[in-house]
Amino acid sequence: MYNYLDFEKPVADLEGQILELKKLADNGEAVDVADEIARLEKRSKDALSDLYRSLTPWQKAQVARHPDRPHCLDYVRALFTDFTPLAGDRAFGEDEAVVAGFARFKGESVAIVGQEKGNDTQSRLKHNFGMARPEGYRKAVRVMELAERFGIPLISLVDTAGAYPGIGAEERGQAEAIARSTSKCLSLTVPNVAVIIGEGGSGGAIAIATANLVYMLEHSIYSVISPEGAASILWRDAARARDAATNMKITAQDLMGLKIIDGIIAEPIGGAHRAREAVVRATGEQIEKGFSELATGNMDYREHRREKFLAIGRTL
């Protein structure tokens, strides 16, 4: 059984019935339920397919935030070998909302920067729900500088509702840290690829996502502010988040049409949390393809990045 979202209730009811019937069969009840299970499984699959074929932007936001969705460390464990994390920003302290370090990807050295939300109460508190403080972004800059010094490509795995807005973070220069991280991403002389694996929220996301190539998972979101935050500002009513999500163009499909991202990584029916290994594998394949694309010709990665971001909005 999965953690079902509100709009998945029809599927939850059907899968609940299937589970009950399977329990009857396992308990040795003298009832042949195989045909009924098969019928319900088909109905459940069809219902799930219908739902995910026409998700609204607000429903996509819910899928992007699903607690069982693969997070940064899930990708790191599955796609990379010899991962060596770095801790601390050499100025204040460690921020575990940001995962940063070096590893091997397909046998080649890479630098990794990502945001980790956590998978249970304890890990979510440890990683501050993926909301980085200034020291997290300064740690990211530290890794970027090392990557540039040694000519190592950078991979960013983005999954945050936004940078942490606490008083301490603001006192330690949150805005300045985000700006410096964004600037460093843009000025790198090595190639970088970013993937929005869940939420790409505001400057907290773009601080590590200003890359030569930016990809999004099919049901991820990427926006300047959360739908709830936008609704609070525009209508003084967070309950209108559904309207905000629709108008903000936060989905991968919208952003691909606006030429803000460079590609969409398909998710299985039901979202990434229903086939975690397949989604992680597809993401790795897309990252590999992206670096192969960037390796063709004698590319100036900094100039490529500059032209890419300056071109956004010119042809709309």
Protein backbone atom coordinates (compact mmCIF):
# COMPACT_ATOMS: atom_id res chain seq x y z
CA MET A 1 0.00 0.00 0.00
CA TYR A 2 1.19 3.51 -0.83
CA ASN A 3 0.73 6.88 0.82
CA TYR A 4 -2.17 8.00 -1.33
CA LEU A 5 -2.73 11.61 -2.33
CA ASP A 6 -6.20 13.14 -2.02
CA PHE A 7 -6.98 12.85 -5.73
CA GLU A 8 -5.92 9.17 -5.73
CA LYS A 9 -8.82 8.06 -3.49
CA PRO A 10 -10.55 5.98 -6.25
CA VAL A 11 -7.31 4.03 -6.72
CA ALA A 12 -6.79 3.69 -2.96
CA ASP A 13 -10.26 2.15 -2.58
CA LEU A 14 -9.63 -0.39 -5.34
CA GLU A 15 -6.17 -1.34 -4.07
CA GLY A 16 -7.60 -1.68 -0.57
CA GLN A 17 -10.13 -4.21 -1.88
CA ILE A 18 -7.36 -6.09 -3.69
CA LEU A 19 -5.34 -6.29 -0.48
CA GLU A 20 -8.29 -7.66 1.47
CA LEU A 21 -8.92 -10.33 -1.15
CA LYS A 22 -5.27 -11.35 -1.14
CA LYS A 23 -5.42 -11.70 2.65
CA LEU A 24 -8.40 -14.03 2.29
CA ALA A 25 -6.48 -16.15 -0.21
CA ASP A 26 -3.39 -16.23 2.03
CA ASN A 27 -5.48 -17.32 5.02
CA GLY A 28 -6.69 -20.37 3.13
CA GLU A 29 -10.32 -19.28 2.77
CA ALA A 30 -12.25 -21.70 0.59
CA VAL A 31 -13.09 -19.00 -1.93
CA ASP A 32 -11.63 -18.59 -5.40
CA VAL A 33 -10.82 -14.89 -5.59
CA ALA A 34 -8.22 -14.96 -8.37
CA ASP A 35 -10.64 -13.72 -11.05
CA GLU A 36 -11.95 -10.93 -8.85
CA ILE A 37 -8.40 -9.83 -7.95
CA ALA A 38 -7.46 -9.73 -11.65
CA ARG A 39 -10.57 -7.69 -12.44
CA LEU A 40 -9.88 -5.19 -9.66
CA GLU A 41 -6.20 -4.91 -10.60
CA LYS A 42 -7.18 -3.98 -14.15
CA ARG A 43 -9.68 -1.41 -12.87
CA SER A 44 -7.06 0.02 -10.54
CA LYS A 45 -4.45 0.25 -13.29
CA ASP A 46 -6.92 1.92 -15.65
CA ALA A 47 -8.05 4.38 -12.98
CA LEU A 48 -4.45 5.31 -12.15
CA SER A 49 -3.65 5.74 -15.82
CA ASP A 50 -6.65 8.02 -16.33
CA LEU A 51 -5.70 10.15 -13.33
CA TYR A 52 -2.07 10.61 -14.31
CA ARG A 53 -2.87 11.27 -17.95
CA SER A 54 -4.57 14.53 -17.03
CA LEU A 55 -2.97 15.84 -13.83
CA THR A 56 -3.57 19.49 -13.05
CA PRO A 57 -0.60 21.69 -12.06
CA TRP A 58 -1.72 21.56 -8.41
CA GLN A 59 -1.92 17.76 -8.52
CA LYS A 60 1.58 17.67 -10.03
CA ALA A 61 2.78 19.81 -7.12
CA GLN A 62 1.35 17.21 -4.73
CA VAL A 63 3.09 14.38 -6.62
CA ALA A 64 6.39 16.34 -6.59
CA ARG A 65 6.12 16.55 -2.79
CA HIS A 66 5.12 12.94 -2.23
CA PRO A 67 6.97 11.65 0.87
CA ASP A 68 7.92 8.37 -0.82
CA ARG A 69 9.43 10.01 -3.88
CA PRO A 70 13.16 9.24 -4.36
CA HIS A 71 15.28 11.96 -2.80
CA CYS A 72 18.81 13.20 -3.41
CA LEU A 73 20.61 10.53 -1.37
CA ASP A 74 18.60 7.79 -3.11
CA TYR A 75 20.04 8.98 -6.43
CA VAL A 76 23.53 9.31 -4.98
CA ARG A 77 23.50 5.74 -3.63
CA ALA A 78 22.13 4.25 -6.85
CA LEU A 79 23.98 6.22 -9.55
CA PHE A 80 27.39 6.98 -8.09
CA THR A 81 30.29 5.05 -6.62
CA ASP A 82 33.03 6.13 -4.23
CA PHE A 83 30.95 9.07 -3.00
CA THR A 84 32.98 11.24 -0.62
CA PRO A 85 30.86 13.94 1.05
CA LEU A 86 32.33 17.23 2.20
CA ALA A 87 31.05 18.96 5.32
CA GLY A 88 31.10 22.57 6.44
CA ASP A 89 31.54 25.91 4.70
CA ARG A 90 34.84 26.86 6.40
CA ALA A 91 33.05 29.89 7.84
CA PHE A 92 30.21 28.93 10.18
CA GLY A 93 29.31 25.26 10.22
CA GLU A 94 27.68 22.29 8.53
CA ASP A 95 24.27 22.30 6.85
CA GLU A 96 22.90 18.82 6.20
CA ALA A 97 20.12 20.13 3.97
CA VAL A 98 22.80 20.29 1.25
CA VAL A 99 24.61 17.14 0.12
CA ALA A 100 27.91 17.96 -1.57
CA GLY A 101 31.00 16.01 -2.48
CA PHE A 102 32.80 13.99 -5.13
CA ALA A 103 32.11 10.59 -6.65
CA ARG A 104 32.42 8.52 -9.79
CA PHE A 105 29.70 8.40 -12.43
CA LYS A 106 30.09 5.80 -15.17
CA GLY A 107 33.71 5.54 -14.09
CA GLU A 108 34.41 9.28 -14.40
CA SER A 109 34.99 11.76 -11.58
CA VAL A 110 32.12 14.16 -10.89
CA ALA A 111 31.16 16.72 -8.27
CA ILE A 112 27.70 16.46 -6.74
CA VAL A 113 25.57 19.12 -5.08
CA GLY A 114 21.99 18.43 -4.04
CA GLN A 115 19.27 19.10 -1.51
CA GLU A 116 18.07 16.26 0.71
CA LYS A 117 14.60 16.35 2.29
CA GLY A 118 14.78 13.15 4.33
CA ASN A 119 12.47 10.13 4.39
CA ASP A 120 11.11 10.00 7.94
CA THR A 121 10.63 12.38 10.85
CA GLN A 122 14.17 12.00 12.18
CA SER A 123 15.91 12.42 8.82
CA ARG A 124 13.63 15.29 7.80
CA LEU A 125 14.57 17.20 10.92
CA LYS A 126 18.24 16.35 10.38
CA HIS A 127 18.14 17.69 6.82
CA ASN A 128 15.78 20.58 7.68
CA PHE A 129 13.28 19.33 5.06
CA GLY A 130 15.76 20.22 2.29
CA MET A 131 15.67 23.95 3.09
CA ALA A 132 19.26 25.14 3.08
CA ARG A 133 20.83 27.81 5.26
CA PRO A 134 23.66 30.13 4.09
CA GLU A 135 26.32 27.66 5.18
CA GLY A 136 24.74 25.07 2.88
CA TYR A 137 25.11 27.31 -0.16
CA ARG A 138 28.63 28.27 0.86
CA LYS A 139 29.47 24.58 1.11
CA ALA A 140 28.07 24.16 -2.41
CA VAL A 141 30.29 27.00 -3.65
CA ARG A 142 33.28 25.35 -1.97
CA VAL A 143 32.64 22.14 -3.90
CA MET A 144 32.09 24.05 -7.16
CA GLU A 145 35.42 25.83 -6.74
CA LEU A 146 37.19 22.52 -6.16
CA ALA A 147 35.46 21.00 -9.20
CA GLU A 148 36.60 23.91 -11.34
CA ARG A 149 40.16 23.74 -9.99
CA PHE A 150 40.48 20.08 -10.94
CA GLY A 151 38.39 20.15 -14.12
CA ILE A 152 35.59 17.95 -12.79
CA PRO A 153 32.00 18.18 -14.16
CA LEU A 154 29.20 19.13 -11.75
CA ILE A 155 25.83 17.42 -11.24
CA SER A 156 23.09 19.20 -9.27
CA LEU A 157 20.08 17.35 -7.84
CA VAL A 158 17.44 19.91 -6.93
CA ASP A 159 14.68 19.20 -4.43
CA THR A 160 13.68 22.02 -2.10
CA ALA A 161 10.64 24.09 -1.24
CA GLY A 162 13.05 27.02 -0.96
CA ALA A 163 15.92 28.34 1.11
CA TYR A 164 15.33 28.37 4.87
CA PRO A 165 13.74 31.72 5.88
CA GLY A 166 14.68 31.67 9.57
CA ILE A 167 16.07 34.67 11.45
CA GLY A 168 19.49 33.05 11.95
CA ALA A 169 19.78 32.30 8.24
CA GLU A 170 18.94 35.89 7.36
CA GLU A 171 21.43 37.19 9.92
CA ARG A 172 24.17 35.07 8.37
CA GLY A 173 23.49 36.42 4.86
CA GLN A 174 21.04 34.07 3.18
CA ALA A 175 20.44 36.29 0.14
CA GLU A 176 24.16 36.91 -0.37
CA ALA A 177 24.94 33.19 -0.10
CA ILE A 178 22.27 32.32 -2.69
CA ALA A 179 23.53 35.04 -5.02
CA ARG A 180 27.14 33.85 -4.76
CA SER A 181 26.12 30.24 -5.38
CA THR A 182 24.09 31.25 -8.44
CA SER A 183 26.97 33.37 -9.72
CA LYS A 184 29.43 30.52 -9.22
CA CYS A 185 27.19 28.11 -11.15
CA LEU A 186 27.03 30.58 -14.04
CA SER A 187 30.77 31.24 -14.13
CA LEU A 188 31.99 27.63 -13.98
CA THR A 189 34.46 26.68 -16.71
CA VAL A 190 33.47 23.00 -16.39
CA PRO A 191 30.17 21.54 -17.65
CA ASN A 192 27.26 21.25 -15.24
CA VAL A 193 23.93 19.44 -15.49
CA ALA A 194 21.01 19.99 -13.11
CA VAL A 195 17.95 17.80 -12.54
CA ILE A 196 14.81 18.93 -10.71
CA ILE A 197 13.89 15.66 -9.01
CA GLY A 198 11.00 16.99 -6.90
CA GLU A 199 10.44 20.62 -5.99
CA GLY A 200 12.50 23.42 -7.47
CA GLY A 201 11.57 26.27 -5.19
CA SER A 202 12.68 29.87 -5.74
CA GLY A 203 16.28 31.06 -5.32
CA GLY A 204 16.90 28.08 -3.07
CA ALA A 205 16.71 25.92 -6.19
CA ILE A 206 18.24 28.18 -8.79
CA ALA A 207 21.32 28.66 -6.59
CA ILE A 208 22.50 25.23 -7.76
CA ALA A 209 20.40 24.84 -10.92
CA THR A 210 21.89 27.48 -13.25
CA ALA A 211 23.45 24.79 -15.41
CA ASN A 212 24.37 24.19 -19.04
CA LEU A 213 21.52 21.69 -19.18
CA VAL A 214 18.51 21.63 -16.86
CA TYR A 215 16.19 18.62 -16.81
CA MET A 216 13.00 17.96 -14.87
CA LEU A 217 11.24 14.78 -13.90
CA GLU A 218 7.82 14.60 -15.53
CA HIS A 219 5.86 15.37 -12.35
CA SER A 220 8.32 17.74 -10.68
CA ILE A 221 7.72 21.49 -10.32
CA TYR A 222 9.98 24.54 -10.69
CA SER A 223 8.87 28.03 -9.72
CA VAL A 224 9.87 31.38 -8.27
CA ILE A 225 7.67 30.78 -5.21
CA SER A 226 5.47 28.00 -3.86
CA PRO A 227 1.81 28.02 -4.97
CA GLU A 228 0.79 28.62 -1.35
CA GLY A 229 3.17 31.58 -1.05
CA ALA A 230 1.97 33.10 -4.32
CA ALA A 231 -1.68 32.73 -3.27
CA SER A 232 -0.95 34.41 0.05
CA ILE A 233 0.65 37.38 -1.70
CA LEU A 234 -1.77 37.74 -4.61
CA TRP A 235 -5.08 36.94 -2.96
CA ARG A 236 -4.24 36.99 0.77
CA ASP A 237 -5.53 33.43 0.81
CA ALA A 238 -3.22 30.39 0.84
CA ALA A 239 -6.23 28.19 0.11
CA ARG A 240 -6.10 29.47 -3.47
CA ALA A 241 -2.84 27.61 -4.07
CA ARG A 242 -4.62 25.57 -6.75
CA ASP A 243 -5.31 28.74 -8.77
CA ALA A 244 -1.76 29.97 -8.26
CA ALA A 245 -0.27 26.67 -9.44
CA THR A 246 -2.31 26.84 -12.64
CA ASN A 247 -1.34 30.41 -13.44
CA MET A 248 2.34 30.22 -12.53
CA LYS A 249 3.31 27.64 -15.18
CA ILE A 250 5.25 25.46 -12.74
CA THR A 251 5.12 22.09 -14.51
CA ALA A 252 7.84 20.48 -16.58
CA GLN A 253 5.59 20.60 -19.64
CA ASP A 254 4.95 24.34 -19.25
CA LEU A 255 8.61 25.12 -18.68
CA MET A 256 9.72 23.01 -21.64
CA GLY A 257 7.33 25.03 -23.80
CA LEU A 258 8.81 28.25 -22.43
CA LYS A 259 12.34 26.95 -23.18
CA ILE A 260 13.41 27.32 -19.56
CA ILE A 261 14.45 23.67 -19.26
CA ASP A 262 16.14 21.37 -21.74
CA GLY A 263 14.34 18.07 -21.30
CA ILE A 264 11.79 16.02 -19.39
CA ILE A 265 12.53 12.65 -17.79
CA ALA A 266 9.47 10.39 -17.99
CA GLU A 267 7.96 8.95 -14.82
CA PRO A 268 5.91 5.75 -14.63
CA ILE A 269 2.14 5.93 -14.27
CA GLY A 270 1.51 6.80 -10.65
CA GLY A 271 4.66 8.88 -10.20
CA ALA A 272 8.28 8.25 -9.30
CA HIS A 273 7.40 6.76 -5.90
CA ARG A 274 5.74 3.76 -7.58
CA ALA A 275 8.87 2.72 -9.50
CA ARG A 276 11.80 4.30 -7.74
CA GLU A 277 14.57 2.22 -9.31
CA ALA A 278 13.29 2.80 -12.86
CA VAL A 279 13.10 6.57 -12.35
CA VAL A 280 16.58 6.77 -10.83
CA ARG A 281 17.97 4.69 -13.69
CA ALA A 282 16.27 6.91 -16.31
CA THR A 283 17.67 10.00 -14.59
CA GLY A 284 21.18 8.57 -14.73
CA GLU A 285 20.78 7.82 -18.43
CA GLN A 286 19.63 11.38 -19.11
CA ILE A 287 22.55 12.87 -17.17
CA GLU A 288 24.97 10.69 -19.16
CA LYS A 289 23.32 11.77 -22.41
CA GLY A 290 23.54 15.41 -21.36
CA PHE A 291 27.26 15.27 -20.65
CA SER A 292 27.83 13.49 -23.96
CA GLU A 293 25.99 16.32 -25.71
CA LEU A 294 28.11 18.94 -23.94
CA ALA A 295 31.32 17.10 -24.79
CA THR A 296 30.82 17.52 -28.54
CA GLY A 297 33.01 20.23 -30.04
CA ASN A 298 35.23 22.72 -28.28
CA MET A 299 32.51 24.31 -26.13
CA ASP A 300 33.00 27.32 -23.89
CA TYR A 301 30.77 26.19 -21.05
CA ARG A 302 30.58 29.59 -19.40
CA GLU A 303 29.55 31.31 -22.64
CA HIS A 304 27.06 28.51 -23.41
CA ARG A 305 25.46 29.04 -20.02
CA ARG A 306 25.39 32.81 -20.45
CA GLU A 307 23.65 32.59 -23.82
CA LYS A 308 21.20 29.99 -22.55
CA PHE A 309 19.92 32.10 -19.66
CA LEU A 310 19.98 35.40 -21.54
CA ALA A 311 17.84 33.81 -24.27
CA ILE A 312 15.02 32.90 -21.84
CA GLY A 313 11.98 35.02 -22.64
CA ARG A 314 13.38 36.59 -25.83
CA THR A 315 11.17 34.66 -28.26
CA LEU A 316 7.92 34.54 -26.23
